[in-house]
Amino acid sequence: MGKPVELNDRGIGVIMEHPWETMVFPDMSVLDNLCFCIDHRVSNVWRAGNIRKSIRRMIEEQMGEGICKKRMWELSDMEKSELVYTRILLQKPRIVFCIQPFKGEDLKHRQLIWDMQKRLLDRGIAVVILAVNMADALSLADRVVRIDKNTKVEEYERKDFHKLPPKSSSLLDNSYQSCYHLFCEYLLRIFANVIQKKRRSETMPSKPVLSDADKKAIRKKLEELCEECWIAQGYKKTSIKNLCDKAVISIGTFYTLYPTKED
């Protein structure tokens, strides 16, 4: 028996048919749309300014400066598709299921999808393309699994692609519909779970900001403690953690006041 899949297992990614329409959230910003599936890797991604700045720089280098200032409805279908694939790249799953990725798209859009799928493969992410027409998938595939109406399964390695039946344009029959609906249900449950986490994060009280008076008082206390510790145990044996414990402050607070121990 296979390993059961947990609801929060982000090792599995799904890109649905027409992702520019089915997998973007028009009421969220471009940046929030990107960060949607990485909260399992960065627990405070919704509040971590440095992480979000790094993601903003990355997407602007890839899609052009100012992309994050646009509203979702201002993006083209191709930009939205690229956004969804980039979100999956940030998620870093073990495997991605692409449902009908090329259906109804023009040549330019198909080229973008090929390029993004190639980037997934280059990152070591397995890509499974569920498609009715296999022609578009053959350029990237190293294996084709063909299912006919009688649920007969045929598997072809890349070196055997020339043996594919001439009329084998269909990879999936009605079973495609059942797979599609299962994936839709799975995705909706994951998205609902992430939205709940984001809302809980937004309602958490923000970290208090130290006033100038607080900083002055903490510096004075630390200077007094430093002098005491240096006299009692010497400079080398005086650690930042020891000073913070005595001053009842966090190490993070210490570094906001002094970049190094020597300061």
Protein backbone atom coordinates (compact mmCIF):
# COMPACT_ATOMS: atom_id res chain seq x y z
CA MET A 1 0.00 0.00 0.00
CA GLY A 2 1.16 3.53 -0.70
CA LYS A 3 2.00 6.16 1.88
CA PRO A 4 -1.15 8.09 2.95
CA VAL A 5 -1.22 11.76 1.95
CA GLU A 6 -1.81 14.25 4.73
CA LEU A 7 -3.90 17.38 4.24
CA ASN A 8 -0.94 19.67 4.88
CA ASP A 9 1.53 17.67 2.77
CA ARG A 10 3.07 20.38 0.60
CA GLY A 11 5.26 17.78 -1.10
CA ILE A 12 2.49 17.51 -3.69
CA GLY A 13 1.68 20.44 -5.98
CA VAL A 14 -1.24 20.81 -8.38
CA ILE A 15 -1.60 23.25 -11.28
CA MET A 16 -5.15 23.21 -12.52
CA GLU A 17 -6.53 23.81 -15.99
CA HIS A 18 -6.31 27.52 -16.92
CA PRO A 19 -4.42 28.49 -13.74
CA TRP A 20 -4.59 32.17 -14.69
CA GLU A 21 -8.32 31.86 -13.97
CA THR A 22 -8.62 29.03 -11.43
CA MET A 23 -5.55 29.51 -9.19
CA VAL A 24 -5.18 33.23 -8.55
CA PHE A 25 -6.89 35.31 -5.89
CA PRO A 26 -8.03 38.66 -7.32
CA ASP A 27 -8.57 40.21 -3.88
CA MET A 28 -5.00 39.46 -2.76
CA SER A 29 -1.87 41.32 -3.84
CA VAL A 30 0.64 39.89 -6.30
CA LEU A 31 3.06 39.26 -3.44
CA ASP A 32 0.44 37.50 -1.30
CA ASN A 33 -0.49 35.31 -4.26
CA LEU A 34 3.17 34.25 -4.44
CA CYS A 35 3.57 33.61 -0.70
CA PHE A 36 0.41 31.54 -0.51
CA CYS A 37 2.07 28.11 -0.49
CA ILE A 38 5.30 28.70 1.44
CA ASP A 39 3.95 29.18 4.95
CA HIS A 40 5.07 25.60 5.69
CA ARG A 41 8.67 26.68 5.00
CA VAL A 42 8.52 30.18 6.52
CA SER A 43 6.11 30.18 9.45
CA ASN A 44 5.78 33.98 9.70
CA VAL A 45 5.92 34.74 5.97
CA TRP A 46 2.89 37.04 6.20
CA ARG A 47 4.76 39.30 8.66
CA ALA A 48 8.45 38.73 7.83
CA GLY A 49 9.42 41.90 5.97
CA ASN A 50 12.89 40.71 4.90
CA ILE A 51 11.53 37.46 3.38
CA ARG A 52 8.83 39.33 1.46
CA LYS A 53 11.38 41.86 0.18
CA SER A 54 13.55 39.00 -1.13
CA ILE A 55 10.56 37.44 -2.90
CA ARG A 56 9.61 40.84 -4.34
CA ARG A 57 13.13 41.32 -5.75
CA MET A 58 13.09 37.82 -7.22
CA ILE A 59 9.74 38.21 -8.99
CA GLU A 60 10.61 41.70 -10.29
CA GLU A 61 13.88 40.38 -11.76
CA GLN A 62 11.90 37.60 -13.42
CA MET A 63 8.74 39.41 -14.55
CA GLY A 64 9.81 43.04 -14.66
CA GLU A 65 10.13 45.93 -12.24
CA GLY A 66 6.83 47.17 -10.86
CA ILE A 67 4.99 43.86 -11.26
CA CYS A 68 4.24 43.77 -7.51
CA LYS A 69 2.64 47.23 -7.66
CA LYS A 70 -0.03 46.02 -10.10
CA ARG A 71 -3.45 44.78 -9.09
CA MET A 72 -4.23 41.18 -9.97
CA TRP A 73 -6.82 42.20 -12.55
CA GLU A 74 -4.18 44.33 -14.28
CA LEU A 75 -2.02 41.27 -15.06
CA SER A 76 -2.31 39.48 -18.38
CA ASP A 77 -3.25 35.79 -18.52
CA MET A 78 0.38 34.90 -19.23
CA GLU A 79 1.61 36.92 -16.24
CA LYS A 80 -0.91 35.19 -14.00
CA SER A 81 0.18 31.77 -15.30
CA GLU A 82 3.83 32.62 -14.64
CA LEU A 83 2.84 33.78 -11.16
CA VAL A 84 1.19 30.41 -10.40
CA TYR A 85 4.18 28.40 -11.65
CA THR A 86 6.54 30.62 -9.63
CA ARG A 87 4.40 30.01 -6.55
CA ILE A 88 4.87 26.26 -7.06
CA LEU A 89 8.63 26.77 -7.46
CA LEU A 90 8.68 28.57 -4.11
CA GLN A 91 6.62 25.79 -2.56
CA LYS A 92 9.26 23.21 -3.68
CA PRO A 93 7.06 20.09 -3.77
CA ARG A 94 8.40 16.65 -4.66
CA ILE A 95 5.90 16.27 -7.49
CA VAL A 96 3.55 18.55 -9.44
CA PHE A 97 0.40 17.44 -11.28
CA CYS A 98 -0.40 19.71 -14.25
CA ILE A 99 -4.00 19.29 -15.39
CA GLN A 100 -4.55 20.09 -19.08
CA PRO A 101 -1.78 22.75 -19.00
CA PHE A 102 -1.85 23.58 -22.73
CA LYS A 103 -5.58 23.40 -23.40
CA GLY A 104 -6.83 26.38 -25.42
CA GLU A 105 -3.60 28.38 -25.11
CA ASP A 106 -1.88 30.13 -28.01
CA LEU A 107 1.70 29.39 -29.10
CA LYS A 108 3.27 32.16 -27.01
CA HIS A 109 1.45 31.03 -23.88
CA ARG A 110 2.40 27.39 -24.55
CA GLN A 111 6.05 28.39 -24.84
CA LEU A 112 5.85 30.06 -21.42
CA ILE A 113 4.29 26.91 -19.92
CA TRP A 114 7.03 24.72 -21.47
CA ASP A 115 9.70 27.02 -20.03
CA MET A 116 8.14 27.01 -16.55
CA GLN A 117 7.72 23.22 -16.56
CA LYS A 118 11.37 22.93 -17.60
CA ARG A 119 12.31 25.09 -14.59
CA LEU A 120 10.36 22.71 -12.33
CA LEU A 121 12.29 19.76 -13.77
CA ASP A 122 15.60 21.61 -13.41
CA ARG A 123 14.83 22.04 -9.69
CA GLY A 124 14.43 18.27 -9.34
CA ILE A 125 10.63 18.43 -9.12
CA ALA A 126 8.79 15.60 -10.87
CA VAL A 127 6.10 16.78 -13.30
CA VAL A 128 3.03 14.70 -14.19
CA ILE A 129 0.98 16.10 -17.08
CA LEU A 130 -2.65 14.95 -17.19
CA ALA A 131 -3.78 15.66 -20.72
CA VAL A 132 -6.23 14.53 -23.37
CA ASN A 133 -3.88 15.49 -26.21
CA MET A 134 -0.37 14.10 -25.75
CA ALA A 135 1.29 16.15 -28.52
CA ASP A 136 2.19 19.08 -26.27
CA ALA A 137 3.53 16.85 -23.49
CA LEU A 138 5.95 14.83 -25.63
CA SER A 139 8.58 17.59 -25.86
CA LEU A 140 9.28 17.40 -22.10
CA ALA A 141 8.15 13.90 -21.19
CA ASP A 142 10.54 11.05 -20.53
CA ARG A 143 7.63 8.64 -20.11
CA VAL A 144 4.03 8.43 -21.38
CA VAL A 145 1.26 6.44 -19.71
CA ARG A 146 -1.71 5.88 -22.03
CA ILE A 147 -5.12 4.83 -20.68
CA ASP A 148 -7.78 3.73 -23.17
CA LYS A 149 -11.55 3.45 -22.76
CA ASN A 150 -11.28 -0.04 -21.31
CA THR A 151 -8.85 1.27 -18.65
CA LYS A 152 -6.03 -0.62 -20.34
CA VAL A 153 -2.74 0.98 -19.32
CA GLU A 154 0.22 1.23 -21.70
CA GLU A 155 3.56 2.75 -20.70
CA TYR A 156 6.16 4.10 -23.14
CA GLU A 157 9.70 5.24 -22.35
CA ARG A 158 11.08 8.17 -24.36
CA LYS A 159 13.11 5.85 -26.60
CA ASP A 160 9.85 4.07 -27.51
CA PHE A 161 7.77 7.15 -28.36
CA HIS A 162 7.92 6.16 -32.04
CA LYS A 163 5.87 3.08 -31.12
CA LEU A 164 2.92 5.14 -29.95
CA PRO A 165 -0.25 4.33 -31.93
CA PRO A 166 -0.85 6.93 -34.68
CA LYS A 167 -4.31 7.75 -33.33
CA SER A 168 -3.28 7.84 -29.69
CA SER A 169 -4.09 11.48 -29.14
CA SER A 170 -6.00 10.65 -25.97
CA LEU A 171 -4.17 9.89 -22.76
CA LEU A 172 -7.19 9.88 -20.47
CA ASP A 173 -10.85 9.15 -21.05
CA ASN A 174 -13.71 9.68 -18.59
CA SER A 175 -11.38 8.80 -15.72
CA TYR A 176 -9.83 12.22 -16.31
CA GLN A 177 -13.00 13.84 -15.00
CA SER A 178 -12.90 11.90 -11.73
CA CYS A 179 -9.18 12.73 -11.27
CA TYR A 180 -9.90 16.38 -12.01
CA HIS A 181 -12.65 16.61 -9.39
CA LEU A 182 -10.53 14.83 -6.78
CA PHE A 183 -7.67 17.28 -7.32
CA CYS A 184 -10.06 20.24 -7.16
CA GLU A 185 -11.41 19.04 -3.81
CA TYR A 186 -7.87 18.45 -2.48
CA LEU A 187 -6.74 21.94 -3.55
CA LEU A 188 -9.73 23.69 -2.05
CA ARG A 189 -9.12 22.02 1.32
CA ILE A 190 -5.44 23.07 1.30
CA PHE A 191 -6.25 26.66 0.28
CA ALA A 192 -8.91 26.92 3.01
CA ASN A 193 -6.38 25.73 5.58
CA VAL A 194 -3.75 28.27 4.48
CA ILE A 195 -6.27 31.13 4.47
CA GLN A 196 -7.18 30.28 8.08
CA LYS A 197 -3.48 30.38 9.05
CA LYS A 198 -3.03 33.74 7.32
CA ARG A 199 -6.04 35.21 9.12
CA ARG A 200 -4.79 33.96 12.48
CA SER A 201 -1.39 35.48 11.75
CA GLU A 202 -2.93 38.84 10.86
CA THR A 203 -4.92 38.95 14.12
CA MET A 204 -1.86 38.29 16.28
CA PRO A 205 -0.59 41.34 18.16
CA SER A 206 2.41 42.95 16.50
CA LYS A 207 5.80 43.00 18.21
CA PRO A 208 6.12 46.14 20.37
CA VAL A 209 8.55 48.77 19.09
CA LEU A 210 11.12 50.05 21.58
CA SER A 211 10.96 53.76 22.26
CA ASP A 212 14.11 55.90 22.55
CA ALA A 213 13.64 55.97 26.32
CA ASP A 214 13.43 52.15 26.44
CA LYS A 215 16.56 51.81 24.32
CA LYS A 216 18.44 54.25 26.56
CA ALA A 217 17.38 52.36 29.71
CA ILE A 218 18.33 48.97 28.24
CA ARG A 219 21.73 50.28 27.08
CA LYS A 220 22.43 51.66 30.55
CA LYS A 221 21.46 48.36 32.16
CA LEU A 222 23.62 46.36 29.74
CA GLU A 223 26.62 48.62 30.32
CA GLU A 224 26.31 48.11 34.08
CA LEU A 225 25.98 44.34 33.65
CA CYS A 226 28.97 44.23 31.26
CA GLU A 227 31.15 45.95 33.82
CA GLU A 228 30.01 43.58 36.59
CA CYS A 229 30.56 40.45 34.43
CA TRP A 230 33.94 41.57 33.14
CA ILE A 231 35.16 42.18 36.70
CA ALA A 232 33.72 38.86 37.96
CA GLN A 233 34.63 36.50 35.09
CA GLY A 234 36.58 38.39 32.45
CA TYR A 235 35.74 39.61 28.94
CA LYS A 236 36.13 36.29 27.10
CA LYS A 237 33.77 34.44 29.42
CA THR A 238 31.07 37.10 29.20
CA SER A 239 28.53 35.90 26.62
CA ILE A 240 25.71 37.80 24.96
CA LYS A 241 23.21 35.19 26.15
CA ASN A 242 24.40 35.64 29.73
CA LEU A 243 23.98 39.43 29.48
CA CYS A 244 20.51 39.10 27.92
CA ASP A 245 19.36 36.69 30.64
CA LYS A 246 20.50 39.07 33.36
CA ALA A 247 18.90 42.07 31.61
CA VAL A 248 15.71 40.06 30.89
CA ILE A 249 15.75 40.87 27.16
CA SER A 250 15.89 38.73 24.02
CA ILE A 251 19.06 38.25 21.97
CA GLY A 252 17.23 39.90 19.06
CA THR A 253 16.70 43.03 21.15
CA PHE A 254 20.42 43.06 21.99
CA TYR A 255 21.39 43.05 18.31
CA THR A 256 18.97 45.89 17.53
CA LEU A 257 21.02 47.99 19.96
CA TYR A 258 24.51 46.58 19.33
CA PRO A 259 25.47 44.93 16.02
CA THR A 260 28.29 42.98 17.73
CA LYS A 261 29.40 42.02 21.22
CA GLU A 262 32.39 44.36 20.90
CA ASP A 263 30.10 47.37 20.48
